């Protein structure tokens, strides 16, 4: 496989991941939904004075974990 094949396979894995709901007959995956929610949450956190650093990390960390996933070896020191 070439590098573009891996990129294409990754995009397909995101699009065809677990379905959150359907919108006009088109399934919307959980990953896409969480990325969009994280985008809008980032705008809200960035536009609100005083909300930063720790709160932004608390919002973004679950989104990043859902995108990239984790396994048991990620919990090891």
N, C-alpha and C. Protein backbone atom coordinates (compact mmCIF):
# COMPACT_ATOMS: atom_id res chain seq x y z
N UNK A 1 0.84 -1.18 0.00
CA UNK A 1 0.00 0.00 0.00
C UNK A 1 0.88 1.25 0.00
N UNK A 2 0.45 2.23 -0.73
CA UNK A 2 1.16 3.50 -0.73
C UNK A 2 0.65 4.38 0.41
N UNK A 3 1.30 5.50 0.61
CA UNK A 3 0.89 6.41 1.69
C UNK A 3 -0.52 6.94 1.46
N UNK A 4 -0.87 7.21 0.22
CA UNK A 4 -2.22 7.71 -0.07
C UNK A 4 -3.29 6.65 0.19
N UNK A 5 -2.93 5.38 0.00
CA UNK A 5 -3.87 4.31 0.32
C UNK A 5 -4.18 4.28 1.81
N UNK A 6 -3.14 4.49 2.63
CA UNK A 6 -3.35 4.53 4.08
C UNK A 6 -4.21 5.73 4.48
N UNK A 7 -3.98 6.87 3.86
CA UNK A 7 -4.80 8.05 4.14
C UNK A 7 -6.24 7.79 3.76
N UNK A 8 -6.46 7.21 2.58
CA UNK A 8 -7.81 6.91 2.12
C UNK A 8 -8.49 5.91 3.05
N UNK A 9 -7.74 4.90 3.50
CA UNK A 9 -8.31 3.91 4.42
C UNK A 9 -8.68 4.55 5.76
N UNK A 10 -7.86 5.50 6.22
CA UNK A 10 -8.17 6.19 7.47
C UNK A 10 -9.42 7.04 7.37
N UNK A 11 -9.57 7.73 6.24
CA UNK A 11 -10.76 8.56 6.02
C UNK A 11 -12.01 7.68 5.96
N UNK A 12 -11.91 6.56 5.28
CA UNK A 12 -13.05 5.64 5.21
C UNK A 12 -13.40 5.06 6.58
N UNK A 13 -12.37 4.79 7.40
CA UNK A 13 -12.63 4.26 8.74
C UNK A 13 -13.38 5.28 9.60
N UNK A 14 -13.06 6.56 9.42
CA UNK A 14 -13.76 7.61 10.18
C UNK A 14 -15.19 7.74 9.70
N UNK A 15 -15.37 7.78 8.40
CA UNK A 15 -16.72 7.99 7.84
C UNK A 15 -17.63 6.80 8.13
N UNK A 16 -17.08 5.59 8.04
CA UNK A 16 -17.90 4.39 8.23
C UNK A 16 -17.80 3.84 9.64
N UNK A 17 -17.40 4.67 10.60
CA UNK A 17 -17.30 4.25 11.99
C UNK A 17 -18.67 4.06 12.60
N UNK A 18 -18.72 3.92 13.92
CA UNK A 18 -20.02 3.74 14.59
C UNK A 18 -20.96 4.91 14.29
N UNK A 19 -22.18 4.59 13.99
CA UNK A 19 -23.17 5.60 13.58
C UNK A 19 -23.84 6.22 14.80
N UNK A 20 -23.84 7.55 14.87
CA UNK A 20 -24.52 8.26 15.96
C UNK A 20 -26.00 8.43 15.63
N UNK A 21 -26.28 8.90 14.42
CA UNK A 21 -27.65 9.09 13.95
C UNK A 21 -27.60 9.26 12.43
N UNK A 22 -28.79 9.31 11.83
CA UNK A 22 -28.86 9.56 10.39
C UNK A 22 -29.48 10.92 10.15
N UNK A 23 -28.94 11.63 9.17
CA UNK A 23 -29.43 12.95 8.81
C UNK A 23 -29.81 12.91 7.34
N UNK A 24 -31.12 12.97 7.07
CA UNK A 24 -31.64 12.87 5.70
C UNK A 24 -31.19 11.59 5.01
N UNK A 25 -31.16 10.51 5.76
CA UNK A 25 -30.78 9.22 5.21
C UNK A 25 -29.28 8.98 5.13
N UNK A 26 -28.47 9.96 5.55
CA UNK A 26 -27.02 9.82 5.52
C UNK A 26 -26.54 9.55 6.94
N UNK A 27 -25.84 8.43 7.18
CA UNK A 27 -25.37 8.16 8.54
C UNK A 27 -24.24 9.11 8.93
N UNK A 28 -24.31 9.61 10.17
CA UNK A 28 -23.27 10.50 10.70
C UNK A 28 -22.52 9.71 11.77
N UNK A 29 -21.21 9.55 11.59
CA UNK A 29 -20.44 8.75 12.53
C UNK A 29 -20.17 9.53 13.82
N UNK A 30 -19.91 8.80 14.87
CA UNK A 30 -19.63 9.40 16.17
C UNK A 30 -18.38 10.26 16.10
N UNK A 31 -17.37 9.81 15.37
CA UNK A 31 -16.12 10.56 15.28
C UNK A 31 -16.33 11.91 14.63
N UNK A 32 -17.06 11.95 13.53
CA UNK A 32 -17.33 13.21 12.85
C UNK A 32 -18.13 14.13 13.76
N UNK A 33 -19.10 13.58 14.47
CA UNK A 33 -19.92 14.37 15.39
C UNK A 33 -19.07 14.97 16.51
N UNK A 34 -18.14 14.20 17.06
CA UNK A 34 -17.31 14.70 18.15
C UNK A 34 -16.30 15.74 17.66
N UNK A 35 -15.80 15.59 16.45
CA UNK A 35 -14.88 16.59 15.90
C UNK A 35 -15.60 17.92 15.69
N UNK A 36 -16.82 17.86 15.16
CA UNK A 36 -17.60 19.09 14.97
C UNK A 36 -17.94 19.72 16.32
N UNK A 37 -18.33 18.89 17.29
CA UNK A 37 -18.63 19.42 18.62
C UNK A 37 -17.38 20.03 19.25
N UNK A 38 -16.24 19.41 19.06
CA UNK A 38 -14.99 19.97 19.59
C UNK A 38 -14.61 21.27 18.93
N UNK A 39 -14.90 21.38 17.64
CA UNK A 39 -14.63 22.62 16.92
C UNK A 39 -15.44 23.77 17.52
N UNK A 40 -16.74 23.54 17.71
CA UNK A 40 -17.59 24.58 18.27
C UNK A 40 -17.28 24.84 19.74
N UNK A 41 -16.93 23.80 20.50
CA UNK A 41 -16.53 24.01 21.90
C UNK A 41 -15.24 24.80 21.97
N UNK A 42 -14.33 24.58 21.04
CA UNK A 42 -13.09 25.36 21.00
C UNK A 42 -13.34 26.81 20.71
N UNK A 43 -14.31 27.09 19.85
CA UNK A 43 -14.66 28.48 19.57
C UNK A 43 -15.24 29.13 20.82
N UNK A 44 -16.11 28.43 21.53
CA UNK A 44 -16.72 28.98 22.75
C UNK A 44 -15.66 29.21 23.82
N UNK A 45 -14.77 28.24 24.01
CA UNK A 45 -13.73 28.38 25.03
C UNK A 45 -12.76 29.49 24.64
N UNK A 46 -12.41 29.58 23.37
CA UNK A 46 -11.48 30.61 22.93
C UNK A 46 -12.07 32.01 22.99
N UNK A 47 -13.37 32.12 22.85
CA UNK A 47 -14.01 33.44 22.85
C UNK A 47 -14.44 33.90 24.23
N UNK A 48 -14.36 33.02 25.22
CA UNK A 48 -14.78 33.38 26.58
C UNK A 48 -13.56 33.70 27.43
N UNK A 49 -13.46 34.93 27.93
CA UNK A 49 -12.32 35.28 28.79
C UNK A 49 -12.33 34.45 30.08
N UNK A 50 -11.17 33.98 30.47
CA UNK A 50 -11.05 33.21 31.70
C UNK A 50 -11.13 31.71 31.50
N UNK A 51 -11.70 31.27 30.41
CA UNK A 51 -11.74 29.84 30.14
C UNK A 51 -10.52 29.50 29.30
N UNK A 52 -9.61 28.82 29.87
CA UNK A 52 -8.42 28.48 29.11
C UNK A 52 -7.71 27.33 29.78
N UNK A 53 -6.62 26.96 29.23
CA UNK A 53 -5.70 25.95 29.71
C UNK A 53 -6.39 24.70 30.20
N UNK A 54 -6.72 24.61 31.47
CA UNK A 54 -7.23 23.37 32.04
C UNK A 54 -8.60 23.01 31.48
N UNK A 55 -9.48 23.97 31.35
CA UNK A 55 -10.81 23.69 30.83
C UNK A 55 -10.74 23.30 29.36
N UNK A 56 -9.88 23.98 28.61
CA UNK A 56 -9.73 23.64 27.20
C UNK A 56 -9.18 22.22 27.06
N UNK A 57 -8.25 21.83 27.92
CA UNK A 57 -7.72 20.48 27.90
C UNK A 57 -8.79 19.47 28.28
N UNK A 58 -9.61 19.79 29.28
CA UNK A 58 -10.67 18.87 29.70
C UNK A 58 -11.70 18.66 28.60
N UNK A 59 -11.91 19.68 27.79
CA UNK A 59 -12.86 19.54 26.68
C UNK A 59 -12.22 18.79 25.51
N UNK A 60 -10.96 19.09 25.21
CA UNK A 60 -10.35 18.54 24.01
C UNK A 60 -9.84 17.11 24.19
N UNK A 61 -9.46 16.72 25.40
CA UNK A 61 -8.88 15.40 25.60
C UNK A 61 -9.83 14.25 25.22
N UNK A 62 -11.08 14.24 25.65
CA UNK A 62 -11.97 13.16 25.21
C UNK A 62 -12.19 13.14 23.70
N UNK A 63 -12.17 14.31 23.09
CA UNK A 63 -12.34 14.37 21.64
C UNK A 63 -11.13 13.76 20.94
N UNK A 64 -9.93 14.10 21.42
CA UNK A 64 -8.72 13.54 20.82
C UNK A 64 -8.65 12.03 21.02
N UNK A 65 -9.04 11.55 22.20
CA UNK A 65 -9.03 10.12 22.45
C UNK A 65 -10.02 9.42 21.53
N UNK A 66 -11.17 10.03 21.29
CA UNK A 66 -12.15 9.39 20.41
C UNK A 66 -11.66 9.36 18.97
N UNK A 67 -10.87 10.36 18.56
CA UNK A 67 -10.36 10.38 17.19
C UNK A 67 -9.26 9.35 17.01
N UNK A 68 -8.25 9.39 17.89
CA UNK A 68 -7.08 8.55 17.70
C UNK A 68 -7.18 7.22 18.43
N UNK A 69 -8.05 7.10 19.39
CA UNK A 69 -8.23 5.86 20.12
C UNK A 69 -7.08 5.61 21.09
N UNK A 70 -7.16 4.51 21.81
CA UNK A 70 -6.09 4.12 22.72
C UNK A 70 -6.19 2.63 22.93
N UNK A 71 -5.10 2.06 23.42
CA UNK A 71 -5.11 0.65 23.79
C UNK A 71 -4.44 0.51 25.15
N UNK A 72 -4.31 -0.70 25.63
CA UNK A 72 -3.78 -0.91 26.98
C UNK A 72 -2.35 -0.40 27.12
N UNK A 73 -1.55 -0.47 26.07
CA UNK A 73 -0.16 -0.02 26.17
C UNK A 73 -0.07 1.49 26.33
N UNK A 74 -1.11 2.23 25.98
CA UNK A 74 -1.08 3.68 26.14
C UNK A 74 -1.16 4.08 27.61
N UNK A 75 -1.64 3.18 28.46
CA UNK A 75 -1.77 3.48 29.88
C UNK A 75 -0.51 3.15 30.67
N UNK A 76 0.46 2.51 30.03
CA UNK A 76 1.70 2.15 30.72
C UNK A 76 2.63 3.35 30.79
N UNK A 77 3.46 3.42 31.86
CA UNK A 77 4.39 4.56 31.97
C UNK A 77 5.50 4.49 30.94
